Each structure stands twice: as structure tokens, then as C-alpha cells.
Amino acid sequence: MVLFVYVDNSNVWIEGRRASAVANALAPSFDDSFAQNIVDPNWNYDFGRLYELACPGDVQIG
């Protein structure tokens, strides 16, 4: 079986910044982060790590 993985970069970026805002106490909750558009401007993500999470090592990637 071949695995095809598609990632919506914009959603990962937007929601990651919101989750980071909550984790770093910039927003009291995810709902508040969403409602008040509070994001962590310093958040960044590692495509290599995302690949490791989304693509198991024992599966052929197409």
C-alpha cells in the first residue's frame, strides 16, 4: 500500500500559532485565541518533524 499525505500548510500555520499562544499564556484558552485573534508570532514548525508524525516509517510514501 502506498500512502499519499496532503498537508494544508495555511491551516497548520494558523492553528499552530493559536495553540502556541495558549501554551505560552498569551491567550487564556483556545476559544479566546480564536475569538480575539491572539496568536504567537514567534511560533514556527519543523516540516521534518511533521513528516515523521504524518508518515509512518514502515509505509511506502507516494
N, C-alpha and C. Protein backbone atom coordinates (compact mmCIF):
# COMPACT_ATOMS: atom_id res chain seq x y z
N MET A 1 0.85 -1.18 0.00
CA MET A 1 0.00 0.00 0.00
C MET A 1 0.89 1.24 0.00
N VAL A 2 0.51 2.22 -0.79
CA VAL A 2 1.24 3.48 -0.87
C VAL A 2 0.41 4.54 -0.15
N LEU A 3 1.07 5.33 0.66
CA LEU A 3 0.41 6.38 1.43
C LEU A 3 0.66 7.73 0.76
N PHE A 4 -0.41 8.47 0.51
CA PHE A 4 -0.30 9.83 -0.01
C PHE A 4 -0.76 10.77 1.10
N VAL A 5 0.07 11.74 1.45
CA VAL A 5 -0.23 12.66 2.54
C VAL A 5 -0.29 14.07 1.98
N TYR A 6 -1.37 14.75 2.27
CA TYR A 6 -1.55 16.13 1.84
C TYR A 6 -1.70 17.00 3.08
N VAL A 7 -0.94 18.07 3.15
CA VAL A 7 -0.96 18.96 4.31
C VAL A 7 -1.38 20.35 3.85
N ASP A 8 -2.38 20.89 4.52
CA ASP A 8 -2.81 22.26 4.25
C ASP A 8 -1.93 23.18 5.09
N ASN A 9 -0.89 23.68 4.49
CA ASN A 9 0.10 24.49 5.19
C ASN A 9 -0.52 25.68 5.92
N SER A 10 -1.47 26.36 5.31
CA SER A 10 -2.04 27.55 5.94
C SER A 10 -2.77 27.19 7.23
N ASN A 11 -3.51 26.08 7.25
CA ASN A 11 -4.21 25.70 8.47
C ASN A 11 -3.25 25.25 9.57
N VAL A 12 -2.21 24.53 9.20
CA VAL A 12 -1.19 24.14 10.19
C VAL A 12 -0.58 25.40 10.80
N TRP A 13 -0.25 26.35 9.96
CA TRP A 13 0.38 27.59 10.40
C TRP A 13 -0.55 28.38 11.33
N ILE A 14 -1.79 28.59 10.91
CA ILE A 14 -2.74 29.40 11.68
C ILE A 14 -3.05 28.74 13.02
N GLU A 15 -3.42 27.47 13.00
CA GLU A 15 -3.82 26.80 14.24
C GLU A 15 -2.62 26.54 15.15
N GLY A 16 -1.46 26.32 14.58
CA GLY A 16 -0.25 26.16 15.39
C GLY A 16 0.07 27.43 16.16
N ARG A 17 -0.08 28.57 15.51
CA ARG A 17 0.18 29.85 16.17
C ARG A 17 -0.84 30.09 17.29
N ARG A 18 -2.08 29.67 17.09
CA ARG A 18 -3.10 29.81 18.14
C ARG A 18 -2.79 28.88 19.31
N ALA A 19 -2.48 27.63 19.02
CA ALA A 19 -2.17 26.68 20.08
C ALA A 19 -0.95 27.13 20.87
N SER A 20 0.04 27.66 20.19
CA SER A 20 1.23 28.16 20.87
C SER A 20 0.91 29.36 21.74
N ALA A 21 -0.01 30.20 21.31
CA ALA A 21 -0.42 31.35 22.12
C ALA A 21 -1.01 30.89 23.45
N VAL A 22 -1.82 29.84 23.41
CA VAL A 22 -2.40 29.30 24.64
C VAL A 22 -1.31 28.64 25.48
N ALA A 23 -0.44 27.85 24.86
CA ALA A 23 0.62 27.15 25.59
C ALA A 23 1.59 28.12 26.26
N ASN A 24 1.78 29.29 25.66
CA ASN A 24 2.71 30.28 26.21
C ASN A 24 2.00 31.40 26.97
N ALA A 25 0.74 31.16 27.34
CA ALA A 25 -0.06 32.08 28.16
C ALA A 25 -0.26 33.45 27.52
N LEU A 26 -0.26 33.51 26.20
CA LEU A 26 -0.61 34.75 25.52
C LEU A 26 -2.12 34.89 25.41
N ALA A 27 -2.82 33.77 25.48
CA ALA A 27 -4.28 33.72 25.47
C ALA A 27 -4.72 32.73 26.54
N PRO A 28 -5.83 33.02 27.24
CA PRO A 28 -6.26 32.12 28.32
C PRO A 28 -6.81 30.78 27.84
N SER A 29 -7.35 30.74 26.63
CA SER A 29 -7.91 29.50 26.10
C SER A 29 -7.86 29.53 24.58
N PHE A 30 -8.05 28.35 23.98
CA PHE A 30 -8.06 28.29 22.52
C PHE A 30 -9.24 29.09 21.97
N ASP A 31 -10.39 29.01 22.65
CA ASP A 31 -11.57 29.77 22.20
C ASP A 31 -11.29 31.26 22.22
N ASP A 32 -10.63 31.75 23.27
CA ASP A 32 -10.27 33.17 23.34
C ASP A 32 -9.27 33.53 22.26
N SER A 33 -8.32 32.65 22.02
CA SER A 33 -7.34 32.89 20.97
C SER A 33 -8.04 33.05 19.62
N PHE A 34 -9.02 32.20 19.37
CA PHE A 34 -9.77 32.26 18.11
C PHE A 34 -10.63 33.53 18.04
N ALA A 35 -11.40 33.79 19.10
CA ALA A 35 -12.33 34.92 19.10
C ALA A 35 -11.63 36.27 19.02
N GLN A 36 -10.46 36.37 19.67
CA GLN A 36 -9.75 37.65 19.73
C GLN A 36 -8.55 37.70 18.79
N ASN A 37 -8.42 36.67 17.98
CA ASN A 37 -7.31 36.58 17.02
C ASN A 37 -5.95 36.76 17.69
N ILE A 38 -5.76 36.05 18.80
CA ILE A 38 -4.49 36.09 19.52
C ILE A 38 -3.63 34.93 19.01
N VAL A 39 -2.45 35.25 18.50
CA VAL A 39 -1.53 34.23 18.00
C VAL A 39 -0.13 34.49 18.56
N ASP A 40 0.69 33.47 18.52
CA ASP A 40 2.09 33.61 18.91
C ASP A 40 2.90 33.90 17.65
N PRO A 41 3.35 35.15 17.47
CA PRO A 41 4.07 35.50 16.24
C PRO A 41 5.43 34.83 16.11
N ASN A 42 5.94 34.27 17.19
CA ASN A 42 7.26 33.62 17.17
C ASN A 42 7.20 32.13 16.87
N TRP A 43 5.98 31.57 16.79
CA TRP A 43 5.84 30.13 16.58
C TRP A 43 6.28 29.75 15.17
N ASN A 44 6.93 28.61 15.08
CA ASN A 44 7.36 28.07 13.80
C ASN A 44 7.28 26.56 13.90
N TYR A 45 7.22 25.88 12.79
CA TYR A 45 7.20 24.42 12.87
C TYR A 45 8.22 23.79 11.94
N ASP A 46 8.53 22.56 12.26
CA ASP A 46 9.57 21.80 11.59
C ASP A 46 8.90 20.82 10.62
N PHE A 47 9.07 21.05 9.32
CA PHE A 47 8.46 20.17 8.32
C PHE A 47 8.95 18.74 8.46
N GLY A 48 10.20 18.56 8.83
CA GLY A 48 10.74 17.22 9.01
C GLY A 48 10.02 16.47 10.12
N ARG A 49 9.77 17.14 11.22
CA ARG A 49 9.05 16.52 12.34
C ARG A 49 7.60 16.24 11.96
N LEU A 50 6.97 17.18 11.24
CA LEU A 50 5.60 16.96 10.77
C LEU A 50 5.55 15.73 9.87
N TYR A 51 6.53 15.59 9.01
CA TYR A 51 6.62 14.42 8.13
C TYR A 51 6.73 13.14 8.95
N GLU A 52 7.57 13.15 9.98
CA GLU A 52 7.72 11.96 10.84
C GLU A 52 6.41 11.59 11.52
N LEU A 53 5.65 12.60 11.94
CA LEU A 53 4.37 12.34 12.60
C LEU A 53 3.32 11.80 11.62
N ALA A 54 3.28 12.36 10.43
CA ALA A 54 2.22 12.02 9.47
C ALA A 54 2.54 10.79 8.63
N CYS A 55 3.81 10.47 8.46
CA CYS A 55 4.21 9.40 7.55
C CYS A 55 4.97 8.31 8.30
N PRO A 56 4.32 7.21 8.61
CA PRO A 56 5.00 6.13 9.32
C PRO A 56 6.20 5.61 8.54
N GLY A 57 7.24 5.24 9.24
CA GLY A 57 8.47 4.78 8.61
C GLY A 57 8.34 3.47 7.86
N ASP A 58 7.35 2.66 8.21
CA ASP A 58 7.21 1.34 7.59
C ASP A 58 6.23 1.33 6.41
N VAL A 59 5.81 2.50 5.94
CA VAL A 59 4.84 2.60 4.85
C VAL A 59 5.49 3.32 3.67
N GLN A 60 5.23 2.82 2.46
CA GLN A 60 5.76 3.47 1.27
C GLN A 60 4.99 4.77 1.03
N ILE A 61 5.74 5.86 0.86
CA ILE A 61 5.14 7.17 0.62
C ILE A 61 5.15 7.43 -0.88
N GLY A 62 3.98 7.79 -1.43
CA GLY A 62 3.86 8.02 -2.87
C GLY A 62 4.13 9.44 -3.27
